[in-house]
PDB file of all heavy atoms in Angstrom:
ATOM      1  N   ILE A   1       0.847  -1.208   0.000  1.00  0.00           N
ATOM      2  CA  ILE A   1       0.000   0.000   0.000  1.00  0.00           C
ATOM      3  C   ILE A   1       0.878   1.252   0.000  1.00  0.00           C
ATOM      4  O   ILE A   1       0.602   2.217  -0.726  1.00  0.00           O
ATOM      5  CB  ILE A   1      -0.966  -0.004   1.206  1.00  0.00           C
ATOM      6  CG1 ILE A   1      -2.028  -1.094   1.023  1.00  0.00           C
ATOM      7  CG2 ILE A   1      -1.649   1.365   1.360  1.00  0.00           C
ATOM      8  CD1 ILE A   1      -2.863  -1.360   2.252  1.00  0.00           C
ATOM      9  N   GLU A   2       1.953   1.234   0.794  1.00  0.00           N
ATOM     10  CA  GLU A   2       2.875   2.374   0.830  1.00  0.00           C
ATOM     11  C   GLU A   2       3.496   2.605  -0.538  1.00  0.00           C
ATOM     12  O   GLU A   2       3.637   3.751  -0.985  1.00  0.00           O
ATOM     13  CB  GLU A   2       3.985   2.139   1.868  1.00  0.00           C
ATOM     14  CG  GLU A   2       3.560   2.394   3.295  1.00  0.00           C
ATOM     15  CD  GLU A   2       3.121   3.835   3.522  1.00  0.00           C
ATOM     16  OE1 GLU A   2       3.697   4.756   2.911  1.00  0.00           O
ATOM     17  OE2 GLU A   2       2.168   4.039   4.303  1.00  0.00           O
ATOM     18  N   ARG A   3       3.874   1.516  -1.212  1.00  0.00           N
ATOM     19  CA  ARG A   3       4.474   1.646  -2.549  1.00  0.00           C
ATOM     20  C   ARG A   3       3.450   2.199  -3.534  1.00  0.00           C
ATOM     21  O   ARG A   3       3.759   3.055  -4.356  1.00  0.00           O
ATOM     22  CB  ARG A   3       5.005   0.284  -3.039  1.00  0.00           C
ATOM     23  CG  ARG A   3       5.624   0.354  -4.444  1.00  0.00           C
ATOM     24  CD  ARG A   3       6.267  -0.951  -4.856  1.00  0.00           C
ATOM     25  NE  ARG A   3       5.338  -2.068  -4.853  1.00  0.00           N
ATOM     26  CZ  ARG A   3       4.449  -2.296  -5.815  1.00  0.00           C
ATOM     27  NH1 ARG A   3       4.323  -1.467  -6.837  1.00  0.00           N
ATOM     28  NH2 ARG A   3       3.665  -3.352  -5.746  1.00  0.00           N
ATOM     29  N   ARG A   4       2.219   1.715  -3.433  1.00  0.00           N
ATOM     30  CA  ARG A   4       1.159   2.204  -4.322  1.00  0.00           C
ATOM     31  C   ARG A   4       0.887   3.698  -4.083  1.00  0.00           C
ATOM     32  O   ARG A   4       0.596   4.430  -5.017  1.00  0.00           O
ATOM     33  CB  ARG A   4      -0.124   1.384  -4.130  1.00  0.00           C
ATOM     34  CG  ARG A   4      -0.036  -0.035  -4.690  1.00  0.00           C
ATOM     35  CD  ARG A   4      -1.402  -0.710  -4.659  1.00  0.00           C
ATOM     36  NE  ARG A   4      -1.339  -2.089  -5.105  1.00  0.00           N
ATOM     37  CZ  ARG A   4      -1.325  -2.476  -6.379  1.00  0.00           C
ATOM     38  NH1 ARG A   4      -1.361  -1.566  -7.343  1.00  0.00           N
ATOM     39  NH2 ARG A   4      -1.283  -3.751  -6.708  1.00  0.00           N
ATOM     40  N   MET A   5       0.976   4.119  -2.825  1.00  0.00           N
ATOM     41  CA  MET A   5       0.778   5.540  -2.517  1.00  0.00           C
ATOM     42  C   MET A   5       1.886   6.384  -3.139  1.00  0.00           C
ATOM     43  O   MET A   5       1.633   7.470  -3.681  1.00  0.00           O
ATOM     44  CB  MET A   5       0.721   5.756  -1.006  1.00  0.00           C
ATOM     45  CG  MET A   5      -0.581   5.307  -0.341  1.00  0.00           C
ATOM     46  SD  MET A   5      -2.038   6.248  -0.912  1.00  0.00           S
ATOM     47  CE  MET A   5      -1.678   7.895  -0.261  1.00  0.00           C
ATOM     48  N   ARG A   6       3.126   5.893  -3.071  1.00  0.00           N
ATOM     49  CA  ARG A   6       4.248   6.621  -3.686  1.00  0.00           C
ATOM     50  C   ARG A   6       4.071   6.689  -5.202  1.00  0.00           C
ATOM     51  O   ARG A   6       4.293   7.731  -5.816  1.00  0.00           O
ATOM     52  CB  ARG A   6       5.587   5.950  -3.335  1.00  0.00           C
ATOM     53  CG  ARG A   6       6.017   6.155  -1.887  1.00  0.00           C
ATOM     54  CD  ARG A   6       7.468   5.780  -1.693  1.00  0.00           C
ATOM     55  NE  ARG A   6       7.748   4.380  -2.005  1.00  0.00           N
ATOM     56  CZ  ARG A   6       7.622   3.382  -1.151  1.00  0.00           C
ATOM     57  NH1 ARG A   6       7.209   3.614   0.093  1.00  0.00           N
ATOM     58  NH2 ARG A   6       7.906   2.137  -1.508  1.00  0.00           N
ATOM     59  N   ASP A   7       3.659   5.552  -5.788  1.00  0.00           N
ATOM     60  CA  ASP A   7       3.408   5.523  -7.237  1.00  0.00           C
ATOM     61  C   ASP A   7       2.292   6.485  -7.613  1.00  0.00           C
ATOM     62  O   ASP A   7       2.357   7.163  -8.640  1.00  0.00           O
ATOM     63  CB  ASP A   7       3.026   4.102  -7.691  1.00  0.00           C
ATOM     64  CG  ASP A   7       4.181   3.122  -7.624  1.00  0.00           C
ATOM     65  OD1 ASP A   7       5.338   3.574  -7.484  1.00  0.00           O
ATOM     66  OD2 ASP A   7       3.927   1.899  -7.683  1.00  0.00           O
ATOM     67  N   ALA A   8       1.258   6.540  -6.766  1.00  0.00           N
ATOM     68  CA  ALA A   8       0.111   7.431  -7.020  1.00  0.00           C
ATOM     69  C   ALA A   8       0.549   8.894  -6.995  1.00  0.00           C
ATOM     70  O   ALA A   8       0.128   9.689  -7.841  1.00  0.00           O
ATOM     71  CB  ALA A   8      -0.988   7.191  -5.990  1.00  0.00           C
ATOM     72  N   GLU A   9       1.397   9.248  -6.039  1.00  0.00           N
ATOM     73  CA  GLU A   9       1.883  10.631  -5.947  1.00  0.00           C
ATOM     74  C   GLU A   9       2.664  11.005  -7.205  1.00  0.00           C
ATOM     75  O   GLU A   9       2.524  12.112  -7.738  1.00  0.00           O
ATOM     76  CB  GLU A   9       2.752  10.807  -4.707  1.00  0.00           C
ATOM     77  CG  GLU A   9       1.950  10.883  -3.409  1.00  0.00           C
ATOM     78  CD  GLU A   9       2.837  11.142  -2.202  1.00  0.00           C
ATOM     79  OE1 GLU A   9       3.823  11.906  -2.340  1.00  0.00           O
ATOM     80  OE2 GLU A   9       2.552  10.578  -1.136  1.00  0.00           O
ATOM     81  N   ASN A  10       3.481  10.080  -7.686  1.00  0.00           N
ATOM     82  CA  ASN A  10       4.250  10.330  -8.907  1.00  0.00           C
ATOM     83  C   ASN A  10       3.301  10.510 -10.094  1.00  0.00           C
ATOM     84  O   ASN A  10       3.465  11.435 -10.905  1.00  0.00           O
ATOM     85  CB  ASN A  10       5.213   9.167  -9.166  1.00  0.00           C
ATOM     86  CG  ASN A  10       5.986   9.361 -10.463  1.00  0.00           C
ATOM     87  OD1 ASN A  10       6.577  10.414 -10.704  1.00  0.00           O
ATOM     88  ND2 ASN A  10       5.967   8.357 -11.313  1.00  0.00           N
ATOM     89  N   GLU A  11       2.302   9.635 -10.193  1.00  0.00           N
ATOM     90  CA  GLU A  11       1.329   9.707 -11.291  1.00  0.00           C
ATOM     91  C   GLU A  11       0.580  11.046 -11.236  1.00  0.00           C
ATOM     92  O   GLU A  11       0.421  11.727 -12.254  1.00  0.00           O
ATOM     93  CB  GLU A  11       0.343   8.533 -11.178  1.00  0.00           C
ATOM     94  CG  GLU A  11      -0.629   8.397 -12.326  1.00  0.00           C
ATOM     95  CD  GLU A  11      -0.047   7.756 -13.570  1.00  0.00           C
ATOM     96  OE1 GLU A  11       0.975   7.048 -13.473  1.00  0.00           O
ATOM     97  OE2 GLU A  11      -0.604   7.987 -14.650  1.00  0.00           O
ATOM     98  N   MET A  12       0.119  11.424 -10.054  1.00  0.00           N
ATOM     99  CA  MET A  12      -0.675  12.651  -9.909  1.00  0.00           C
ATOM    100  C   MET A  12       0.128  13.916 -10.189  1.00  0.00           C
ATOM    101  O   MET A  12      -0.439  14.946 -10.548  1.00  0.00           O
ATOM    102  CB  MET A  12      -1.301  12.714  -8.507  1.00  0.00           C
ATOM    103  CG  MET A  12      -2.400  11.679  -8.301  1.00  0.00           C
ATOM    104  SD  MET A  12      -3.299  11.840  -6.726  1.00  0.00           S
ATOM    105  CE  MET A  12      -2.051  11.381  -5.519  1.00  0.00           C
ATOM    106  N   SER A  13       1.449  13.835 -10.040  1.00  0.00           N
ATOM    107  CA  SER A  13       2.282  15.022 -10.288  1.00  0.00           C
ATOM    108  C   SER A  13       2.252  15.436 -11.762  1.00  0.00           C
ATOM    109  O   SER A  13       2.674  16.538 -12.112  1.00  0.00           O
ATOM    110  CB  SER A  13       3.727  14.762  -9.848  1.00  0.00           C
ATOM    111  OG  SER A  13       4.378  13.864 -10.734  1.00  0.00           O
ATOM    112  N   HIS A  14       1.716  14.572 -12.630  1.00  0.00           N
ATOM    113  CA  HIS A  14       1.663  14.855 -14.069  1.00  0.00           C
ATOM    114  C   HIS A  14       0.287  15.343 -14.525  1.00  0.00           C
ATOM    115  O   HIS A  14       0.019  15.410 -15.730  1.00  0.00           O
ATOM    116  CB  HIS A  14       2.062  13.601 -14.857  1.00  0.00           C
ATOM    117  CG  HIS A  14       3.500  13.216 -14.661  1.00  0.00           C
ATOM    118  ND1 HIS A  14       4.531  13.719 -15.444  1.00  0.00           N
ATOM    119  CD2 HIS A  14       4.084  12.409 -13.740  1.00  0.00           C
ATOM    120  CE1 HIS A  14       5.680  13.229 -15.028  1.00  0.00           C
ATOM    121  NE2 HIS A  14       5.439  12.428 -13.991  1.00  0.00           N
ATOM    122  N   TYR A  15      -0.564  15.709 -13.572  1.00  0.00           N
ATOM    123  CA  TYR A  15      -1.926  16.138 -13.928  1.00  0.00           C
ATOM    124  C   TYR A  15      -1.931  17.304 -14.912  1.00  0.00           C
ATOM    125  O   TYR A  15      -2.819  17.444 -15.755  1.00  0.00           O
ATOM    126  CB  TYR A  15      -2.708  16.529 -12.661  1.00  0.00           C
ATOM    127  CG  TYR A  15      -2.345  17.887 -12.110  1.00  0.00           C
ATOM    128  CD1 TYR A  15      -3.005  19.034 -12.549  1.00  0.00           C
ATOM    129  CD2 TYR A  15      -1.313  18.027 -11.179  1.00  0.00           C
ATOM    130  CE1 TYR A  15      -2.650  20.292 -12.062  1.00  0.00           C
ATOM    131  CE2 TYR A  15      -0.958  19.270 -10.695  1.00  0.00           C
ATOM    132  CZ  TYR A  15      -1.619  20.399 -11.144  1.00  0.00           C
ATOM    133  OH  TYR A  15      -1.269  21.637 -10.682  1.00  0.00           O
ATOM    134  N   GLY A  16      -0.914  18.179 -14.836  1.00  0.00           N
ATOM    135  CA  GLY A  16      -0.857  19.374 -15.675  1.00  0.00           C
ATOM    136  C   GLY A  16      -0.645  19.098 -17.149  1.00  0.00           C
ATOM    137  O   GLY A  16      -0.759  20.012 -17.980  1.00  0.00           O
ATOM    138  N   GLU A  17      -0.372  17.839 -17.507  1.00  0.00           N
ATOM    139  CA  GLU A  17      -0.161  17.477 -18.913  1.00  0.00           C
ATOM    140  C   GLU A  17      -1.474  17.102 -19.601  1.00  0.00           C
ATOM    141  O   GLU A  17      -1.493  16.811 -20.794  1.00  0.00           O
ATOM    142  CB  GLU A  17       0.825  16.301 -18.985  1.00  0.00           C
ATOM    143  CG  GLU A  17       2.213  16.663 -18.448  1.00  0.00           C
ATOM    144  CD  GLU A  17       3.041  15.446 -18.047  1.00  0.00           C
ATOM    145  OE1 GLU A  17       2.749  14.334 -18.539  1.00  0.00           O
ATOM    146  OE2 GLU A  17       3.989  15.619 -17.251  1.00  0.00           O
ATOM    147  N   PHE A  18      -2.586  17.137 -18.841  1.00  0.00           N
ATOM    148  CA  PHE A  18      -3.881  16.690 -19.365  1.00  0.00           C
ATOM    149  C   PHE A  18      -4.814  17.860 -19.639  1.00  0.00           C
ATOM    150  O   PHE A  18      -4.650  18.947 -19.098  1.00  0.00           O
ATOM    151  CB  PHE A  18      -4.512  15.690 -18.389  1.00  0.00           C
ATOM    152  CG  PHE A  18      -3.771  14.382 -18.343  1.00  0.00           C
ATOM    153  CD1 PHE A  18      -2.539  14.285 -17.698  1.00  0.00           C
ATOM    154  CD2 PHE A  18      -4.285  13.251 -18.965  1.00  0.00           C
ATOM    155  CE1 PHE A  18      -1.829  13.088 -17.680  1.00  0.00           C
ATOM    156  CE2 PHE A  18      -3.581  12.049 -18.945  1.00  0.00           C
ATOM    157  CZ  PHE A  18      -2.359  11.973 -18.311  1.00  0.00           C
ATOM    158  N   ASP A  19      -5.817  17.630 -20.488  1.00  0.00           N
ATOM    159  CA  ASP A  19      -6.759  18.689 -20.877  1.00  0.00           C
ATOM    160  C   ASP A  19      -7.833  18.925 -19.825  1.00  0.00           C
ATOM    161  O   ASP A  19      -8.309  20.044 -19.648  1.00  0.00           O
ATOM    162  CB  ASP A  19      -7.445  18.327 -22.203  1.00  0.00           C
ATOM    163  CG  ASP A  19      -6.463  18.198 -23.345  1.00  0.00           C
ATOM    164  OD1 ASP A  19      -5.658  19.131 -23.529  1.00  0.00           O
ATOM    165  OD2 ASP A  19      -6.474  17.157 -24.044  1.00  0.00           O
ATOM    166  N   TYR A  20      -8.270  17.842 -19.149  1.00  0.00           N
ATOM    167  CA  TYR A  20      -9.368  17.936 -18.184  1.00  0.00           C
ATOM    168  C   TYR A  20      -8.987  17.240 -16.886  1.00  0.00           C
ATOM    169  O   TYR A  20      -8.282  16.227 -16.900  1.00  0.00           O
ATOM    170  CB  TYR A  20     -10.642  17.262 -18.731  1.00  0.00           C
ATOM    171  CG  TYR A  20     -11.210  17.904 -19.968  1.00  0.00           C
ATOM    172  CD1 TYR A  20     -10.851  17.437 -21.234  1.00  0.00           C
ATOM    173  CD2 TYR A  20     -12.119  18.959 -19.886  1.00  0.00           C
ATOM    174  CE1 TYR A  20     -11.370  18.020 -22.382  1.00  0.00           C
ATOM    175  CE2 TYR A  20     -12.648  19.536 -21.030  1.00  0.00           C
ATOM    176  CZ  TYR A  20     -12.273  19.062 -22.277  1.00  0.00           C
ATOM    177  OH  TYR A  20     -12.789  19.640 -23.400  1.00  0.00           O
ATOM    178  N   LEU A  21      -9.492  17.786 -15.773  1.00  0.00           N
ATOM    179  CA  LEU A  21      -9.316  17.161 -14.465  1.00  0.00           C
ATOM    180  C   LEU A  21     -10.685  16.833 -13.887  1.00  0.00           C
ATOM    181  O   LEU A  21     -11.558  17.697 -13.822  1.00  0.00           O
ATOM    182  CB  LEU A  21      -8.610  18.114 -13.493  1.00  0.00           C
ATOM    183  CG  LEU A  21      -7.083  18.198 -13.523  1.00  0.00           C
ATOM    184  CD1 LEU A  21      -6.609  19.181 -12.460  1.00  0.00           C
ATOM    185  CD2 LEU A  21      -6.446  16.838 -13.293  1.00  0.00           C
ATOM    186  N   VAL A  22     -10.872  15.586 -13.484  1.00  0.00           N
ATOM    187  CA  VAL A  22     -12.122  15.155 -12.854  1.00  0.00           C
ATOM    188  C   VAL A  22     -11.788  14.579 -11.485  1.00  0.00           C
ATOM    189  O   VAL A  22     -10.895  13.732 -11.364  1.00  0.00           O
ATOM    190  CB  VAL A  22     -12.831  14.084 -13.722  1.00  0.00           C
ATOM    191  CG1 VAL A  22     -14.017  13.478 -12.978  1.00  0.00           C
ATOM    192  CG2 VAL A  22     -13.284  14.683 -15.047  1.00  0.00           C
ATOM    193  N   VAL A  23     -12.478  15.052 -10.447  1.00  0.00           N
ATOM    194  CA  VAL A  23     -12.268  14.518  -9.092  1.00  0.00           C
ATOM    195  C   VAL A  23     -13.361  13.500  -8.795  1.00  0.00           C
ATOM    196  O   VAL A  23     -14.548  13.813  -8.848  1.00  0.00           O
ATOM    197  CB  VAL A  23     -12.299  15.645  -8.028  1.00  0.00           C
ATOM    198  CG1 VAL A  23     -12.130  15.060  -6.630  1.00  0.00           C
ATOM    199  CG2 VAL A  23     -11.204  16.677  -8.310  1.00  0.00           C
ATOM    200  N   ASN A  24     -12.947  12.270  -8.499  1.00  0.00           N
ATOM    201  CA  ASN A  24     -13.919  11.210  -8.211  1.00  0.00           C
ATOM    202  C   ASN A  24     -14.203  11.163  -6.708  1.00  0.00           C
ATOM    203  O   ASN A  24     -13.719  10.289  -5.995  1.00  0.00           O
ATOM    204  CB  ASN A  24     -13.408   9.862  -8.713  1.00  0.00           C
ATOM    205  CG  ASN A  24     -14.442   8.756  -8.536  1.00  0.00           C
ATOM    206  OD1 ASN A  24     -15.626   9.030  -8.330  1.00  0.00           O
ATOM    207  ND2 ASN A  24     -13.992   7.520  -8.618  1.00  0.00           N
ATOM    208  N   ASP A  25     -14.997  12.144  -6.268  1.00  0.00           N
ATOM    209  CA  ASP A  25     -15.475  12.170  -4.883  1.00  0.00           C
ATOM    210  C   ASP A  25     -16.880  11.584  -4.879  1.00  0.00           C
ATOM    211  O   ASP A  25     -17.145  10.547  -4.259  1.00  0.00           O
ATOM    212  CB  ASP A  25     -15.466  13.608  -4.365  1.00  0.00           C
ATOM    213  CG  ASP A  25     -15.822  13.688  -2.883  1.00  0.00           C
ATOM    214  OD1 ASP A  25     -16.016  12.639  -2.265  1.00  0.00           O
ATOM    215  OD2 ASP A  25     -15.892  14.809  -2.360  1.00  0.00           O
ATOM    216  N   ASP A  26     -17.783  12.218  -5.615  1.00  0.00           N
ATOM    217  CA  ASP A  26     -19.126  11.696  -5.855  1.00  0.00           C
ATOM    218  C   ASP A  26     -19.096  10.961  -7.198  1.00  0.00           C
ATOM    219  O   ASP A  26     -18.895  11.573  -8.247  1.00  0.00           O
ATOM    220  CB  ASP A  26     -20.122  12.858  -5.890  1.00  0.00           C
ATOM    221  CG  ASP A  26     -21.546  12.407  -6.150  1.00  0.00           C
ATOM    222  OD1 ASP A  26     -21.792  11.820  -7.227  1.00  0.00           O
ATOM    223  OD2 ASP A  26     -22.411  12.645  -5.295  1.00  0.00           O
TER     224      ASP A  26
END
């Protein structure tokens, strides 16, 4: 889980390369 969290942080750091951002809360 810790490794997946680190991987997730790395993945999320690239959000600015995308056209749209959607937050999956609801």
